[in-house]
Protein backbone atom coordinates (compact mmCIF):
# COMPACT_ATOMS: atom_id res chain seq x y z
CA UNK A 1 5.27 36.87 -65.00
CA UNK A 2 1.77 36.01 -66.17
CA UNK A 3 -1.13 38.42 -65.86
CA UNK A 4 -2.99 38.22 -62.54
CA UNK A 5 -0.29 36.01 -60.98
CA UNK A 6 -0.65 38.02 -57.76
CA UNK A 7 -4.18 36.61 -57.36
CA UNK A 8 -2.59 33.25 -56.53
CA UNK A 9 -3.21 32.52 -52.82
CA UNK A 10 -5.51 35.52 -52.38
CA UNK A 11 -8.22 34.99 -49.78
CA UNK A 12 -11.58 35.73 -51.39
CA UNK A 13 -15.29 35.78 -50.45
CA UNK A 14 -17.88 35.72 -53.24
CA UNK A 15 -21.48 36.15 -52.14
CA UNK A 16 -24.10 34.53 -54.33
CA UNK A 17 -21.34 32.33 -55.67
CA UNK A 18 -23.27 29.17 -56.51
CA UNK A 19 -24.64 30.11 -59.93
CA UNK A 20 -24.53 32.53 -62.85
CA UNK A 21 -22.12 35.44 -62.60
CA UNK A 22 -21.11 34.61 -59.03
CA UNK A 23 -20.07 31.09 -59.95
CA UNK A 24 -18.04 32.36 -62.91
CA UNK A 25 -16.27 34.89 -60.70
CA UNK A 26 -15.50 32.26 -58.05
CA UNK A 27 -14.22 29.83 -60.69
CA UNK A 28 -12.00 32.52 -62.22
CA UNK A 29 -10.41 33.22 -58.84
CA UNK A 30 -9.90 29.51 -58.15
CA UNK A 31 -8.32 28.92 -61.57
CA UNK A 32 -5.82 31.64 -60.72
CA UNK A 33 -4.98 29.86 -57.46
CA UNK A 34 -7.01 31.92 -55.02
CA UNK A 35 -8.63 30.44 -51.91
CA UNK A 36 -12.36 31.08 -52.22
CA UNK A 37 -15.39 30.91 -49.94
CA UNK A 38 -18.73 31.15 -51.73
CA UNK A 39 -22.03 31.93 -50.02
CA UNK A 40 -25.68 31.43 -50.84
CA UNK A 41 -28.89 29.81 -49.61
CA UNK A 42 -28.93 26.53 -51.57
CA UNK A 43 -26.56 24.15 -49.77
CA UNK A 44 -26.87 21.43 -52.40
CA UNK A 45 -25.79 23.82 -55.13
CA UNK A 46 -23.06 25.34 -52.96
CA UNK A 47 -21.64 21.86 -52.29
CA UNK A 48 -21.58 21.07 -56.01
CA UNK A 49 -19.83 24.30 -56.99
CA UNK A 50 -17.32 24.03 -54.14
CA UNK A 51 -16.29 20.61 -55.47
CA UNK A 52 -15.66 22.25 -58.85
CA UNK A 53 -13.62 25.03 -57.24
CA UNK A 54 -11.45 22.51 -55.41
CA UNK A 55 -10.32 21.04 -58.73
CA UNK A 56 -8.32 24.23 -59.18
CA UNK A 57 -7.67 25.41 -55.62
CA UNK A 58 -7.89 22.94 -52.74
CA UNK A 59 -8.59 25.46 -49.97
CA UNK A 60 -12.13 26.46 -50.94
CA UNK A 61 -15.39 26.15 -49.06
CA UNK A 62 -18.94 27.46 -48.75
CA UNK A 63 -21.19 29.02 -46.12
CA UNK A 64 -24.98 28.99 -46.18
CA UNK A 65 -26.28 32.49 -45.45
CA UNK A 66 -29.22 34.74 -46.22
CA UNK A 67 -27.82 38.10 -47.28
CA UNK A 68 -31.01 39.84 -46.08
CA UNK A 69 -30.16 39.04 -42.45
CA UNK A 70 -27.49 41.20 -40.83
CA UNK A 71 -26.89 38.56 -38.15
CA UNK A 72 -26.26 35.91 -40.81
CA UNK A 73 -24.03 38.31 -42.76
CA UNK A 74 -21.81 38.95 -39.74
CA UNK A 75 -21.61 35.24 -38.95
CA UNK A 76 -20.83 34.41 -42.58
CA UNK A 77 -18.00 36.94 -42.90
CA UNK A 78 -16.46 35.91 -39.57
CA UNK A 79 -16.58 32.20 -40.47
CA UNK A 80 -15.13 32.82 -43.92
CA UNK A 81 -12.22 34.85 -42.54
CA UNK A 82 -11.55 32.16 -39.95
CA UNK A 83 -11.52 29.47 -42.65
CA UNK A 84 -9.38 31.48 -45.06
CA UNK A 85 -7.01 32.77 -42.42
CA UNK A 86 -7.61 36.35 -43.53
CA UNK A 87 -9.29 38.29 -46.31
CA UNK A 88 -7.94 40.08 -49.37
CA UNK A 89 -11.01 40.45 -51.59
CA UNK A 90 -14.76 40.61 -51.02
CA UNK A 91 -17.05 40.34 -54.04
CA UNK A 92 -20.59 41.44 -53.24
CA UNK A 93 -22.43 39.57 -55.98
CA UNK A 94 -25.61 38.33 -54.28
CA UNK A 95 -28.60 40.09 -55.76
CA UNK A 96 -32.23 39.73 -56.76
CA UNK A 97 -34.70 41.31 -59.18
CA UNK A 98 -38.49 41.15 -59.09
CA UNK A 99 -39.55 42.62 -62.45
CA UNK A 100 -42.96 44.26 -62.13
CA UNK A 101 -44.66 47.41 -63.35
CA UNK A 102 -44.09 50.18 -60.79
CA UNK A 103 -47.81 50.34 -60.02
CA UNK A 104 -47.79 46.67 -58.97
CA UNK A 105 -44.66 46.57 -56.77
CA UNK A 106 -45.60 45.54 -53.23
CA UNK A 107 -43.87 46.56 -50.02
CA UNK A 108 -42.57 43.01 -49.75
CA UNK A 109 -41.15 43.16 -53.30
CA UNK A 110 -39.47 46.48 -52.57
CA UNK A 111 -37.98 45.31 -49.26
CA UNK A 112 -36.69 42.05 -50.78
CA UNK A 113 -34.86 43.87 -53.58
CA UNK A 114 -33.48 46.72 -51.46
CA UNK A 115 -32.54 44.49 -48.51
CA UNK A 116 -30.62 42.10 -50.76
CA UNK A 117 -28.99 44.43 -53.26
CA UNK A 118 -28.25 47.45 -51.07
CA UNK A 119 -28.62 46.64 -47.39
CA UNK A 120 -26.90 43.27 -47.83
CA UNK A 121 -24.05 44.85 -49.78
CA UNK A 122 -23.52 47.50 -47.10
CA UNK A 123 -23.48 45.21 -44.09
CA UNK A 124 -21.28 42.61 -45.78
CA UNK A 125 -18.85 45.40 -46.70
CA UNK A 126 -19.05 46.81 -43.19
CA UNK A 127 -18.08 43.52 -41.56
CA UNK A 128 -15.31 42.78 -44.05
CA UNK A 129 -14.22 46.40 -44.00
CA UNK A 130 -13.48 46.32 -40.26
CA UNK A 131 -11.03 43.50 -40.85
CA UNK A 132 -9.46 45.17 -43.90
CA UNK A 133 -9.07 48.48 -42.07
CA UNK A 134 -7.28 46.69 -39.21
CA UNK A 135 -4.81 45.07 -41.62
CA UNK A 136 -4.50 48.27 -43.70
CA UNK A 137 -5.34 46.64 -47.04
CA UNK A 138 -8.13 44.97 -48.95
CA UNK A 139 -10.39 45.20 -51.96
CA UNK A 140 -14.18 45.22 -52.13
CA UNK A 141 -15.87 44.75 -55.51
CA UNK A 142 -19.62 45.30 -55.79
CA UNK A 143 -21.56 43.77 -58.67
CA UNK A 144 -24.09 46.42 -59.59
CA UNK A 145 -25.79 46.94 -62.96
CA UNK A 146 -26.07 49.29 -65.91
CA UNK A 147 -29.53 49.91 -64.44
CA UNK A 148 -27.74 52.11 -61.89
CA UNK A 149 -27.25 54.57 -64.75
CA UNK A 150 -30.26 54.11 -67.03
CA UNK A 151 -33.92 53.42 -66.43
CA UNK A 152 -35.84 50.46 -67.81
CA UNK A 153 -39.36 49.11 -67.59
CA UNK A 154 -40.45 46.92 -64.67
CA UNK A 155 -37.29 47.67 -62.71
CA UNK A 156 -38.09 50.57 -60.39
CA UNK A 157 -36.91 48.77 -57.24
CA UNK A 158 -33.94 47.18 -59.00
CA UNK A 159 -32.73 50.47 -60.51
CA UNK A 160 -33.08 52.12 -57.11
CA UNK A 161 -31.07 49.41 -55.36
CA UNK A 162 -28.25 49.39 -57.90
CA UNK A 163 -28.07 53.18 -58.08
CA UNK A 164 -27.73 53.19 -54.31
CA UNK A 165 -24.97 50.58 -54.50
CA UNK A 166 -22.96 52.77 -56.89
CA UNK A 167 -23.17 55.69 -54.46
CA UNK A 168 -22.32 53.34 -51.59
CA UNK A 169 -19.22 52.25 -53.52
CA UNK A 170 -18.07 55.87 -53.75
CA UNK A 171 -18.83 56.64 -50.11
CA UNK A 172 -16.91 53.64 -48.77
CA UNK A 173 -14.02 54.25 -51.18
CA UNK A 174 -13.58 57.79 -49.86
CA UNK A 175 -13.99 56.85 -46.20
CA UNK A 176 -11.65 53.87 -46.33
CA UNK A 177 -8.97 55.22 -48.67
CA UNK A 178 -6.74 56.23 -45.70
CA UNK A 179 -6.64 52.55 -44.73
CA UNK A 180 -5.61 51.35 -48.23
CA UNK A 181 -8.99 49.64 -48.75
CA UNK A 182 -10.14 50.01 -52.36
CA UNK A 183 -13.86 49.83 -53.12
CA UNK A 184 -15.04 49.53 -56.72
CA UNK A 185 -17.99 48.15 -58.67
CA UNK A 186 -18.72 46.34 -61.93
CA UNK A 187 -21.92 47.21 -63.79
CA UNK A 188 -22.97 44.55 -66.33
CA UNK A 189 -25.66 44.73 -68.96
CA UNK A 190 -28.00 41.75 -69.46
CA UNK A 191 -25.99 38.54 -69.09
CA UNK A 192 -26.60 35.31 -70.97
CA UNK A 193 -27.04 32.63 -68.30
CA UNK A 194 -29.38 29.77 -67.50
CA UNK A 195 -31.15 32.20 -65.17
CA UNK A 196 -32.03 34.68 -67.93
CA UNK A 197 -32.91 32.13 -70.62
CA UNK A 198 -36.59 32.12 -69.60
CA UNK A 199 -36.72 35.91 -69.69
CA UNK A 200 -35.36 35.98 -73.23
CA UNK A 201 -37.97 33.58 -74.56
CA UNK A 202 -39.98 36.78 -75.01
CA UNK A 203 -38.84 37.65 -78.53
CA UNK A 204 -39.83 41.33 -78.38
CA UNK A 205 -37.96 41.80 -75.09
CA UNK A 206 -34.87 40.05 -76.45
CA UNK A 207 -34.91 42.19 -79.60
CA UNK A 208 -35.33 45.38 -77.58
CA UNK A 209 -32.34 44.52 -75.38
CA UNK A 210 -30.08 43.71 -78.34
CA UNK A 211 -31.13 46.91 -80.10
CA UNK A 212 -29.89 48.90 -77.11
CA UNK A 213 -26.44 47.24 -77.04
CA UNK A 214 -24.12 48.64 -79.74
CA UNK A 215 -22.06 45.42 -79.75
CA UNK A 216 -25.27 43.61 -80.72
CA UNK A 217 -25.11 40.70 -78.29
CA UNK A 218 -25.57 39.78 -74.64
CA UNK A 219 -22.65 39.72 -72.24
CA UNK A 220 -21.27 36.42 -70.94
CA UNK A 221 -20.50 35.71 -67.27
CA UNK A 222 -16.81 35.57 -68.23
CA UNK A 223 -16.99 39.21 -69.38
CA UNK A 224 -17.99 40.24 -65.86
CA UNK A 225 -15.42 37.94 -64.24
CA UNK A 226 -12.68 39.54 -66.35
CA UNK A 227 -13.53 42.98 -65.00
CA UNK A 228 -13.51 41.63 -61.44
CA UNK A 229 -10.11 39.99 -61.94
CA UNK A 230 -8.72 43.32 -63.14
CA UNK A 231 -10.03 45.18 -60.08
CA UNK A 232 -8.71 42.44 -57.77
CA UNK A 233 -5.28 42.54 -59.37
CA UNK A 234 -2.30 44.83 -58.80
CA UNK A 235 -3.09 46.55 -62.11
CA UNK A 236 -5.96 48.32 -60.34
CA UNK A 237 -4.10 49.31 -57.18
CA UNK A 238 -4.72 53.03 -57.81
CA UNK A 239 -8.38 52.60 -58.73
CA UNK A 240 -11.03 53.22 -56.10
CA UNK A 241 -14.58 54.58 -56.08
CA UNK A 242 -15.05 53.57 -59.72
CA UNK A 243 -17.78 51.60 -61.46
CA UNK A 244 -16.56 49.68 -64.49
CA UNK A 245 -19.40 49.23 -66.97
CA UNK A 246 -19.52 45.95 -68.88
CA UNK A 247 -22.49 46.88 -71.02
CA UNK A 248 -21.43 46.62 -74.66
CA UNK A 249 -21.91 50.36 -75.03
CA UNK A 250 -25.54 50.59 -73.80
CA UNK A 251 -24.88 53.58 -71.52
CA UNK A 252 -22.61 55.31 -74.04
CA UNK A 253 -25.60 56.33 -76.16
C-alpha cells in the first residue's frame, strides 16, 4: 500500500485554494485522488486552477466566496458539501497580511487581517464542524504561521491573528474530540511563491529572513502541502490540537 492511499476519494475543501500555498495543497490532494472544492474571490483564477485539478481528479469544483462574510462562509460550506456528497477534510488556508509599522495600522487594516485570518477560520470551522460532529468524524487543518510563536516587524495584526488561530485550534480540538473530529494546524515560515517575490526584492529583508532560518533557505509550497497531507492521512489519526511548524528551525532558536 502506498503512503497516503487513504486520501483517495476523500472529500476536501481548501479555502484560498486558487494560488500559492492553497493551490499547492489542493493539487496535492487531487493528485492523490481526492475530490476537492477550492474557494476564493477571483473566479477567473479559480476556474483555471479547477481545470488543473480535474486533470488528476475529475470531481473537483470551485466556489466564489469572501471569507470575511459569515453569510458567504455558511453558503460556501453548504454548497461544497452538497457538491462533494459529504466532507472529510477542511483546510482553512485563506489569509491576508497587511505589513505596516504598528503605529500606522488603521482600524480597517486590523479588521481585514483579523476578520480573514481568525474570524473566517472560526466560522468556516464552525459550519464544517457541525457536519463532522453529526457524522462522528472529520479533520480540520488550519494554516497558521510561525508568527504565531515569534514576533516580527510590521506584523502586529498578523501575529495577533495567527496566535489566535493556534489557540482556536486547541480549543476546537478539545471540544470536538468526543466526536472524533481532529483539529490541527500547520505553521510555515516565509514561503517562496510568486506572491512573495516582490517582498524579497528588498535585499536586506531577504538576508534577514534567511539569517533567521537555520536551514538557510525559504520554504516551498510543497513543504507545507506535505505537512497537510500527513495530518489528513491515517498516520495522524491520534494527533489533535497540535501545530506542526514548517519553519526550517526558525522557532527552535
